[in-house]
Amino acid sequence: MIKKMLFIILISFVLVAYEMPPELPSSFYGQVEDGRVGQLVTTNFKGSARTFLFEGKVVYALNVNGGSDNAVVMFYINGQNVGTGVYHAGTNQNANLVYKPPVFYWRSFFWWWK
């Protein structure tokens, strides 16, 4: 009986020892061309961040989790694809984004005006 309990305790320690640590995220940062402060930058993986002002430029910094190495990471602002990057666990990469704000046409607003 005691041998059986010792065996179970030993196996449980071995199983805990083989548990792997979590994978490091792939980090991205960069400037957002034509962006505004406070915009939400999202990805096709787990990860999102808000833009902020740094040295007079609108920038972002975020960690992306849940990808596999060499996977393409797509960045979105307001549902618009603004750039891409490549997922590499444990790295910090520069990826500048280009946001094209939607254009509002006054003529379409005043459709009845000729």
C-alpha atoms as a PDB file:
ATOM      1  CA  MET A   1       0.000   0.000   0.000  1.00  0.00           C
ATOM      2  CA  ILE A   2       2.781   2.433   0.919  1.00  0.00           C
ATOM      3  CA  LYS A   3       4.689   1.529  -2.239  1.00  0.00           C
ATOM      4  CA  LYS A   4       1.587   2.253  -4.294  1.00  0.00           C
ATOM      5  CA  MET A   5       1.147   5.704  -2.674  1.00  0.00           C
ATOM      6  CA  LEU A   6       4.826   6.553  -3.175  1.00  0.00           C
ATOM      7  CA  PHE A   7       4.568   5.500  -6.810  1.00  0.00           C
ATOM      8  CA  ILE A   8       1.525   7.757  -7.351  1.00  0.00           C
ATOM      9  CA  ILE A   9       3.260  10.706  -5.661  1.00  0.00           C
ATOM     10  CA  LEU A  10       6.395  10.154  -7.757  1.00  0.00           C
ATOM     11  CA  ILE A  11       4.391  10.011 -10.997  1.00  0.00           C
ATOM     12  CA  SER A  12       2.511  13.205 -10.105  1.00  0.00           C
ATOM     13  CA  PHE A  13       5.820  15.048  -9.536  1.00  0.00           C
ATOM     14  CA  VAL A  14       7.143  13.795 -12.862  1.00  0.00           C
ATOM     15  CA  LEU A  15       4.014  14.933 -14.701  1.00  0.00           C
ATOM     16  CA  VAL A  16       4.221  18.393 -13.131  1.00  0.00           C
ATOM     17  CA  ALA A  17       7.890  18.646 -14.091  1.00  0.00           C
ATOM     18  CA  TYR A  18       7.079  17.987 -17.755  1.00  0.00           C
ATOM     19  CA  GLU A  19       4.528  20.783 -17.995  1.00  0.00           C
ATOM     20  CA  MET A  20       5.846  23.297 -20.506  1.00  0.00           C
ATOM     21  CA  PRO A  21       5.937  27.032 -19.830  1.00  0.00           C
ATOM     22  CA  PRO A  22       3.624  29.214 -21.940  1.00  0.00           C
ATOM     23  CA  GLU A  23       4.907  30.418 -25.293  1.00  0.00           C
ATOM     24  CA  LEU A  24       6.221  33.973 -25.465  1.00  0.00           C
ATOM     25  CA  PRO A  25       4.122  36.395 -27.506  1.00  0.00           C
ATOM     26  CA  SER A  26       5.210  38.046 -30.719  1.00  0.00           C
ATOM     27  CA  SER A  27       5.329  41.790 -30.070  1.00  0.00           C
ATOM     28  CA  PHE A  28       4.748  44.526 -32.627  1.00  0.00           C
ATOM     29  CA  TYR A  29       5.121  48.296 -32.499  1.00  0.00           C
ATOM     30  CA  GLY A  30       5.116  51.135 -34.986  1.00  0.00           C
ATOM     31  CA  GLN A  31       3.638  54.321 -36.319  1.00  0.00           C
ATOM     32  CA  VAL A  32       0.046  54.578 -37.576  1.00  0.00           C
ATOM     33  CA  GLU A  33      -0.038  56.854 -40.611  1.00  0.00           C
ATOM     34  CA  ASP A  34      -3.202  59.029 -40.680  1.00  0.00           C
ATOM     35  CA  GLY A  35      -4.288  57.452 -37.375  1.00  0.00           C
ATOM     36  CA  ARG A  36      -5.866  59.160 -34.373  1.00  0.00           C
ATOM     37  CA  VAL A  37      -5.093  58.767 -30.693  1.00  0.00           C
ATOM     38  CA  GLY A  38      -7.261  56.130 -28.993  1.00  0.00           C
ATOM     39  CA  GLN A  39      -8.060  53.970 -32.021  1.00  0.00           C
ATOM     40  CA  LEU A  40      -8.271  50.234 -31.373  1.00  0.00           C
ATOM     41  CA  VAL A  41      -5.718  48.126 -33.261  1.00  0.00           C
ATOM     42  CA  THR A  42      -6.753  44.452 -33.481  1.00  0.00           C
ATOM     43  CA  THR A  43      -5.256  41.355 -35.115  1.00  0.00           C
ATOM     44  CA  ASN A  44      -6.454  38.077 -36.592  1.00  0.00           C
ATOM     45  CA  PHE A  45      -4.940  36.382 -33.495  1.00  0.00           C
ATOM     46  CA  LYS A  46      -5.306  37.241 -29.805  1.00  0.00           C
ATOM     47  CA  GLY A  47      -4.114  40.773 -29.178  1.00  0.00           C
ATOM     48  CA  SER A  48      -5.326  44.351 -29.294  1.00  0.00           C
ATOM     49  CA  ALA A  49      -4.120  47.774 -28.183  1.00  0.00           C
ATOM     50  CA  ARG A  50      -5.052  51.448 -28.399  1.00  0.00           C
ATOM     51  CA  THR A  51      -3.002  54.001 -30.300  1.00  0.00           C
ATOM     52  CA  PHE A  52      -1.256  56.743 -28.347  1.00  0.00           C
ATOM     53  CA  LEU A  53       0.861  59.831 -28.952  1.00  0.00           C
ATOM     54  CA  PHE A  54       4.666  59.501 -28.696  1.00  0.00           C
ATOM     55  CA  GLU A  55       7.031  62.279 -29.754  1.00  0.00           C
ATOM     56  CA  GLY A  56       4.284  63.895 -31.830  1.00  0.00           C
ATOM     57  CA  LYS A  57       3.408  60.710 -33.754  1.00  0.00           C
ATOM     58  CA  VAL A  58       0.471  58.320 -33.396  1.00  0.00           C
ATOM     59  CA  VAL A  59       1.925  54.919 -32.487  1.00  0.00           C
ATOM     60  CA  TYR A  60       0.876  51.518 -31.107  1.00  0.00           C
ATOM     61  CA  ALA A  61       2.495  48.613 -29.248  1.00  0.00           C
ATOM     62  CA  LEU A  62       0.897  45.209 -28.740  1.00  0.00           C
ATOM     63  CA  ASN A  63       1.576  41.576 -27.922  1.00  0.00           C
ATOM     64  CA  VAL A  64       0.101  38.905 -30.186  1.00  0.00           C
ATOM     65  CA  ASN A  65      -0.627  35.464 -28.700  1.00  0.00           C
ATOM     66  CA  GLY A  66      -1.889  32.209 -30.147  1.00  0.00           C
ATOM     67  CA  GLY A  67      -0.012  32.134 -33.423  1.00  0.00           C
ATOM     68  CA  SER A  68       2.458  29.709 -34.897  1.00  0.00           C
ATOM     69  CA  ASP A  69       5.881  30.689 -36.215  1.00  0.00           C
ATOM     70  CA  ASN A  70       5.895  32.318 -39.677  1.00  0.00           C
ATOM     71  CA  ALA A  71       2.118  32.866 -39.613  1.00  0.00           C
ATOM     72  CA  VAL A  72       0.872  36.117 -41.176  1.00  0.00           C
ATOM     73  CA  VAL A  73      -0.503  38.588 -38.630  1.00  0.00           C
ATOM     74  CA  MET A  74      -3.017  41.066 -40.053  1.00  0.00           C
ATOM     75  CA  PHE A  75      -3.696  44.352 -38.279  1.00  0.00           C
ATOM     76  CA  TYR A  76      -7.096  46.080 -38.354  1.00  0.00           C
ATOM     77  CA  ILE A  77      -8.422  49.504 -37.367  1.00  0.00           C
ATOM     78  CA  ASN A  78     -12.218  49.911 -37.552  1.00  0.00           C
ATOM     79  CA  GLY A  79     -12.418  46.679 -39.560  1.00  0.00           C
ATOM     80  CA  GLN A  80      -9.977  47.977 -42.189  1.00  0.00           C
ATOM     81  CA  ASN A  81      -6.824  45.967 -42.926  1.00  0.00           C
ATOM     82  CA  VAL A  82      -4.013  48.437 -42.241  1.00  0.00           C
ATOM     83  CA  GLY A  83      -0.929  46.214 -42.411  1.00  0.00           C
ATOM     84  CA  THR A  84       0.657  42.818 -41.906  1.00  0.00           C
ATOM     85  CA  GLY A  85       3.503  41.234 -40.002  1.00  0.00           C
ATOM     86  CA  VAL A  86       5.018  37.787 -39.474  1.00  0.00           C
ATOM     87  CA  TYR A  87       4.556  35.949 -36.172  1.00  0.00           C
ATOM     88  CA  HIS A  88       7.802  34.952 -34.435  1.00  0.00           C
ATOM     89  CA  ALA A  89       7.493  33.980 -30.774  1.00  0.00           C
ATOM     90  CA  GLY A  90       9.595  36.056 -28.386  1.00  0.00           C
ATOM     91  CA  THR A  91      10.442  38.870 -30.812  1.00  0.00           C
ATOM     92  CA  ASN A  92       9.688  42.599 -30.894  1.00  0.00           C
ATOM     93  CA  GLN A  93       9.140  43.785 -34.479  1.00  0.00           C
ATOM     94  CA  ASN A  94       8.495  47.124 -36.131  1.00  0.00           C
ATOM     95  CA  ALA A  95       5.383  47.151 -38.330  1.00  0.00           C
ATOM     96  CA  ASN A  96       4.216  50.588 -39.470  1.00  0.00           C
ATOM     97  CA  LEU A  97       0.529  50.739 -40.346  1.00  0.00           C
ATOM     98  CA  VAL A  98      -1.335  52.880 -42.898  1.00  0.00           C
ATOM     99  CA  TYR A  99      -4.902  53.847 -41.982  1.00  0.00           C
ATOM    100  CA  LYS A 100      -7.128  55.393 -44.633  1.00  0.00           C
ATOM    101  CA  PRO A 101      -9.964  57.207 -42.864  1.00  0.00           C
ATOM    102  CA  PRO A 102     -13.392  56.885 -44.479  1.00  0.00           C
ATOM    103  CA  VAL A 103     -14.354  59.788 -46.720  1.00  0.00           C
ATOM    104  CA  PHE A 104     -17.678  61.492 -46.148  1.00  0.00           C
ATOM    105  CA  TYR A 105     -19.218  63.124 -49.195  1.00  0.00           C
ATOM    106  CA  TRP A 106     -21.527  66.029 -48.463  1.00  0.00           C
ATOM    107  CA  ARG A 107     -23.194  65.535 -51.826  1.00  0.00           C
ATOM    108  CA  SER A 108     -24.470  62.110 -50.772  1.00  0.00           C
ATOM    109  CA  PHE A 109     -25.782  63.673 -47.552  1.00  0.00           C
ATOM    110  CA  PHE A 110     -27.669  66.345 -49.512  1.00  0.00           C
ATOM    111  CA  TRP A 111     -28.905  63.950 -52.203  1.00  0.00           C
ATOM    112  CA  TRP A 112     -31.958  66.099 -52.896  1.00  0.00           C
ATOM    113  CA  TRP A 113     -29.820  69.209 -53.548  1.00  0.00           C
ATOM    114  CA  LYS A 114     -28.745  69.763 -57.152  1.00  0.00           C
END
